[in-house]
Amino acid sequence: MLPAAARLTSSADFQRVTRKGRRAGRPRLVVHAMTERMQATTEADPCAERNTVPPRVGFVVSKAVGNAVVRHRVARRLRHLVGARLGTLPLGTALVVRALPPAAGATSAELGQDFDAAIRKLRLVADDSGGDR
């Protein structure tokens, strides 16, 4: 399970990240991301300090993915995969991971590959010096 500080919980946060953040689509999932710089420009206080806020992640697994058993299995796999990769994400990053219907039949390895590819596409690897573009 993800630590409480690493969870994105409010619907307003989900909405802000999905509408104002960037996204990277893969065959089995879509990752929406908002970094500290993007958050600072969209909120009232652009000088807010976010360099100590851990990355936060939320998950969306709709009924299109499958019945309740399948949806919960996909969500558990995604939480486990993302939890293991939290240390690689920059501080102040907010992510929403949305599972697509093909995620229902995917293995954990396939979901991990899609997540890693989406993170690379969004240039969110912590040691990446390129930053947001």
C-alpha atoms as a PDB file:
ATOM      1  CA  MET A   1       0.000   0.000   0.000  1.00  0.00           C
ATOM      2  CA  LEU A   2       1.139   3.540  -0.680  1.00  0.00           C
ATOM      3  CA  PRO A   3       1.983   5.729   2.325  1.00  0.00           C
ATOM      4  CA  ALA A   4      -0.729   8.279   3.141  1.00  0.00           C
ATOM      5  CA  ALA A   5       1.540  11.172   2.129  1.00  0.00           C
ATOM      6  CA  ALA A   6       1.941   9.630  -1.344  1.00  0.00           C
ATOM      7  CA  ARG A   7      -1.786   9.346  -2.089  1.00  0.00           C
ATOM      8  CA  LEU A   8      -3.803  11.701  -4.218  1.00  0.00           C
ATOM      9  CA  THR A   9      -7.247  11.620  -2.609  1.00  0.00           C
ATOM     10  CA  SER A  10      -9.408  14.663  -3.318  1.00  0.00           C
ATOM     11  CA  SER A  11     -11.473  14.888  -6.472  1.00  0.00           C
ATOM     12  CA  ALA A  12     -10.212  18.455  -6.953  1.00  0.00           C
ATOM     13  CA  ASP A  13      -6.628  17.171  -7.096  1.00  0.00           C
ATOM     14  CA  PHE A  14      -7.580  14.464  -9.610  1.00  0.00           C
ATOM     15  CA  GLN A  15      -9.398  17.041 -11.710  1.00  0.00           C
ATOM     16  CA  ARG A  16      -6.522  19.534 -11.627  1.00  0.00           C
ATOM     17  CA  VAL A  17      -3.929  16.937 -12.633  1.00  0.00           C
ATOM     18  CA  THR A  18      -6.020  15.434 -15.439  1.00  0.00           C
ATOM     19  CA  ARG A  19      -7.105  18.784 -16.882  1.00  0.00           C
ATOM     20  CA  LYS A  20      -4.019  20.967 -16.463  1.00  0.00           C
ATOM     21  CA  GLY A  21      -1.218  18.402 -16.416  1.00  0.00           C
ATOM     22  CA  ARG A  22       0.497  16.588 -19.246  1.00  0.00           C
ATOM     23  CA  ARG A  23      -0.365  13.056 -20.280  1.00  0.00           C
ATOM     24  CA  ALA A  24       1.280  10.067 -21.862  1.00  0.00           C
ATOM     25  CA  GLY A  25      -0.842   7.265 -23.260  1.00  0.00           C
ATOM     26  CA  ARG A  26       0.266   3.659 -23.504  1.00  0.00           C
ATOM     27  CA  PRO A  27      -1.661   0.585 -24.675  1.00  0.00           C
ATOM     28  CA  ARG A  28      -2.875  -0.384 -21.201  1.00  0.00           C
ATOM     29  CA  LEU A  29      -2.819   2.874 -19.232  1.00  0.00           C
ATOM     30  CA  VAL A  30      -2.624   6.648 -19.381  1.00  0.00           C
ATOM     31  CA  VAL A  31      -0.478   8.667 -16.986  1.00  0.00           C
ATOM     32  CA  HIS A  32      -1.439  12.269 -16.264  1.00  0.00           C
ATOM     33  CA  ALA A  33       1.307  14.279 -14.556  1.00  0.00           C
ATOM     34  CA  MET A  34       1.635  17.692 -13.011  1.00  0.00           C
ATOM     35  CA  THR A  35       5.019  18.813 -11.741  1.00  0.00           C
ATOM     36  CA  GLU A  36       5.798  21.477  -9.130  1.00  0.00           C
ATOM     37  CA  ARG A  37       6.466  24.111 -11.807  1.00  0.00           C
ATOM     38  CA  MET A  38       3.132  23.430 -13.490  1.00  0.00           C
ATOM     39  CA  GLN A  39       1.322  23.529 -10.125  1.00  0.00           C
ATOM     40  CA  ALA A  40       2.942  26.843  -9.190  1.00  0.00           C
ATOM     41  CA  THR A  41       1.716  28.507 -12.366  1.00  0.00           C
ATOM     42  CA  THR A  42      -1.856  27.266 -11.915  1.00  0.00           C
ATOM     43  CA  GLU A  43      -2.320  28.175  -8.262  1.00  0.00           C
ATOM     44  CA  ALA A  44      -2.721  31.538  -6.562  1.00  0.00           C
ATOM     45  CA  ASP A  45       0.700  31.489  -4.875  1.00  0.00           C
ATOM     46  CA  PRO A  46       3.371  30.885  -7.549  1.00  0.00           C
ATOM     47  CA  CYS A  47       6.132  31.136  -4.949  1.00  0.00           C
ATOM     48  CA  ALA A  48       4.846  28.239  -2.812  1.00  0.00           C
ATOM     49  CA  GLU A  49       7.572  25.873  -1.683  1.00  0.00           C
ATOM     50  CA  ARG A  50       6.963  22.361  -2.988  1.00  0.00           C
ATOM     51  CA  ASN A  51      10.449  20.959  -3.043  1.00  0.00           C
ATOM     52  CA  THR A  52       9.781  18.949   0.130  1.00  0.00           C
ATOM     53  CA  VAL A  53       6.404  17.497  -0.904  1.00  0.00           C
ATOM     54  CA  PRO A  54       6.708  13.809  -1.845  1.00  0.00           C
ATOM     55  CA  PRO A  55       5.285  12.612  -5.155  1.00  0.00           C
ATOM     56  CA  ARG A  56       1.566  11.868  -4.905  1.00  0.00           C
ATOM     57  CA  VAL A  57      -0.309   9.325  -6.996  1.00  0.00           C
ATOM     58  CA  GLY A  58      -3.965   8.536  -7.637  1.00  0.00           C
ATOM     59  CA  PHE A  59      -5.537   5.727  -9.643  1.00  0.00           C
ATOM     60  CA  VAL A  60      -8.613   5.559 -11.865  1.00  0.00           C
ATOM     61  CA  VAL A  61      -9.918   2.117 -12.830  1.00  0.00           C
ATOM     62  CA  SER A  62     -13.358   2.439 -14.425  1.00  0.00           C
ATOM     63  CA  LYS A  63     -16.024  -0.193 -15.029  1.00  0.00           C
ATOM     64  CA  ALA A  64     -14.823  -0.392 -18.631  1.00  0.00           C
ATOM     65  CA  VAL A  65     -11.835  -2.366 -17.316  1.00  0.00           C
ATOM     66  CA  GLY A  66     -14.027  -5.152 -15.957  1.00  0.00           C
ATOM     67  CA  ASN A  67     -16.082  -6.275 -13.007  1.00  0.00           C
ATOM     68  CA  ALA A  68     -15.184  -5.388  -9.401  1.00  0.00           C
ATOM     69  CA  VAL A  69     -12.780  -8.297  -8.974  1.00  0.00           C
ATOM     70  CA  VAL A  70     -10.836  -7.384 -12.122  1.00  0.00           C
ATOM     71  CA  ARG A  71     -10.818  -3.657 -11.298  1.00  0.00           C
ATOM     72  CA  HIS A  72      -9.467  -4.271  -7.800  1.00  0.00           C
ATOM     73  CA  ARG A  73      -6.795  -6.637  -9.132  1.00  0.00           C
ATOM     74  CA  VAL A  74      -5.650  -4.026 -11.662  1.00  0.00           C
ATOM     75  CA  ALA A  75      -5.649  -1.286  -8.995  1.00  0.00           C
ATOM     76  CA  ARG A  76      -3.611  -3.447  -6.590  1.00  0.00           C
ATOM     77  CA  ARG A  77      -1.053  -4.218  -9.298  1.00  0.00           C
ATOM     78  CA  LEU A  78      -0.752  -0.564 -10.242  1.00  0.00           C
ATOM     79  CA  ARG A  79      -0.375   0.529  -6.594  1.00  0.00           C
ATOM     80  CA  HIS A  80       2.365  -2.039  -6.072  1.00  0.00           C
ATOM     81  CA  LEU A  81       4.230  -1.042  -9.253  1.00  0.00           C
ATOM     82  CA  VAL A  82       4.004   2.691  -8.633  1.00  0.00           C
ATOM     83  CA  GLY A  83       4.861   2.332  -4.935  1.00  0.00           C
ATOM     84  CA  ALA A  84       8.113   0.611  -5.883  1.00  0.00           C
ATOM     85  CA  ARG A  85       8.952   3.508  -8.238  1.00  0.00           C
ATOM     86  CA  LEU A  86       8.039   6.450  -5.975  1.00  0.00           C
ATOM     87  CA  GLY A  87      11.709   7.130  -5.216  1.00  0.00           C
ATOM     88  CA  THR A  88      12.445   7.742  -8.893  1.00  0.00           C
ATOM     89  CA  LEU A  89       9.832  10.493  -9.237  1.00  0.00           C
ATOM     90  CA  PRO A  90      10.737  14.145  -8.605  1.00  0.00           C
ATOM     91  CA  LEU A  91       9.490  15.776  -5.423  1.00  0.00           C
ATOM     92  CA  GLY A  92       6.302  17.781  -5.883  1.00  0.00           C
ATOM     93  CA  THR A  93       4.976  15.611  -8.701  1.00  0.00           C
ATOM     94  CA  ALA A  94       1.302  14.623  -8.822  1.00  0.00           C
ATOM     95  CA  LEU A  95       0.264  11.665 -10.997  1.00  0.00           C
ATOM     96  CA  VAL A  96      -3.056  10.161 -11.984  1.00  0.00           C
ATOM     97  CA  VAL A  97      -2.736   6.673 -13.473  1.00  0.00           C
ATOM     98  CA  ARG A  98      -5.813   5.684 -15.485  1.00  0.00           C
ATOM     99  CA  ALA A  99      -6.190   2.023 -16.445  1.00  0.00           C
ATOM    100  CA  LEU A 100      -7.586   1.232 -19.890  1.00  0.00           C
ATOM    101  CA  PRO A 101      -9.644  -1.905 -20.702  1.00  0.00           C
ATOM    102  CA  PRO A 102      -6.609  -3.904 -21.974  1.00  0.00           C
ATOM    103  CA  ALA A 103      -5.129  -3.602 -18.451  1.00  0.00           C
ATOM    104  CA  ALA A 104      -7.580  -6.287 -17.329  1.00  0.00           C
ATOM    105  CA  GLY A 105      -5.662  -9.029 -19.129  1.00  0.00           C
ATOM    106  CA  ALA A 106      -2.196  -7.566 -18.651  1.00  0.00           C
ATOM    107  CA  THR A 107       0.491  -9.009 -16.441  1.00  0.00           C
ATOM    108  CA  SER A 108       2.207  -6.943 -13.787  1.00  0.00           C
ATOM    109  CA  ALA A 109       5.315  -6.850 -15.985  1.00  0.00           C
ATOM    110  CA  GLU A 110       3.341  -5.410 -18.914  1.00  0.00           C
ATOM    111  CA  LEU A 111       1.726  -2.771 -16.691  1.00  0.00           C
ATOM    112  CA  GLY A 112       5.174  -1.894 -15.322  1.00  0.00           C
ATOM    113  CA  GLN A 113       6.592  -1.520 -18.830  1.00  0.00           C
ATOM    114  CA  ASP A 114       3.735   0.783 -19.820  1.00  0.00           C
ATOM    115  CA  PHE A 115       4.124   2.878 -16.675  1.00  0.00           C
ATOM    116  CA  ASP A 116       7.899   3.181 -17.135  1.00  0.00           C
ATOM    117  CA  ALA A 117       7.471   4.149 -20.797  1.00  0.00           C
ATOM    118  CA  ALA A 118       4.899   6.808 -19.879  1.00  0.00           C
ATOM    119  CA  ILE A 119       7.182   8.253 -17.188  1.00  0.00           C
ATOM    120  CA  ARG A 120      10.075   8.395 -19.669  1.00  0.00           C
ATOM    121  CA  LYS A 121       7.840  10.098 -22.233  1.00  0.00           C
ATOM    122  CA  LEU A 122       6.827  12.695 -19.646  1.00  0.00           C
ATOM    123  CA  ARG A 123      10.503  13.114 -18.645  1.00  0.00           C
ATOM    124  CA  LEU A 124       9.751  12.537 -14.964  1.00  0.00           C
ATOM    125  CA  VAL A 125      12.786  10.481 -14.054  1.00  0.00           C
ATOM    126  CA  ALA A 126      14.370  12.108 -10.977  1.00  0.00           C
ATOM    127  CA  ASP A 127      17.898  12.123 -12.385  1.00  0.00           C
ATOM    128  CA  ASP A 128      16.773  13.689 -15.694  1.00  0.00           C
ATOM    129  CA  SER A 129      18.307  17.146 -15.971  1.00  0.00           C
ATOM    130  CA  GLY A 130      16.052  18.166 -18.873  1.00  0.00           C
ATOM    131  CA  GLY A 131      13.125  19.169 -16.667  1.00  0.00           C
ATOM    132  CA  ASP A 132       9.736  20.103 -18.097  1.00  0.00           C
ATOM    133  CA  ARG A 133       9.506  21.326 -21.632  1.00  0.00           C
END
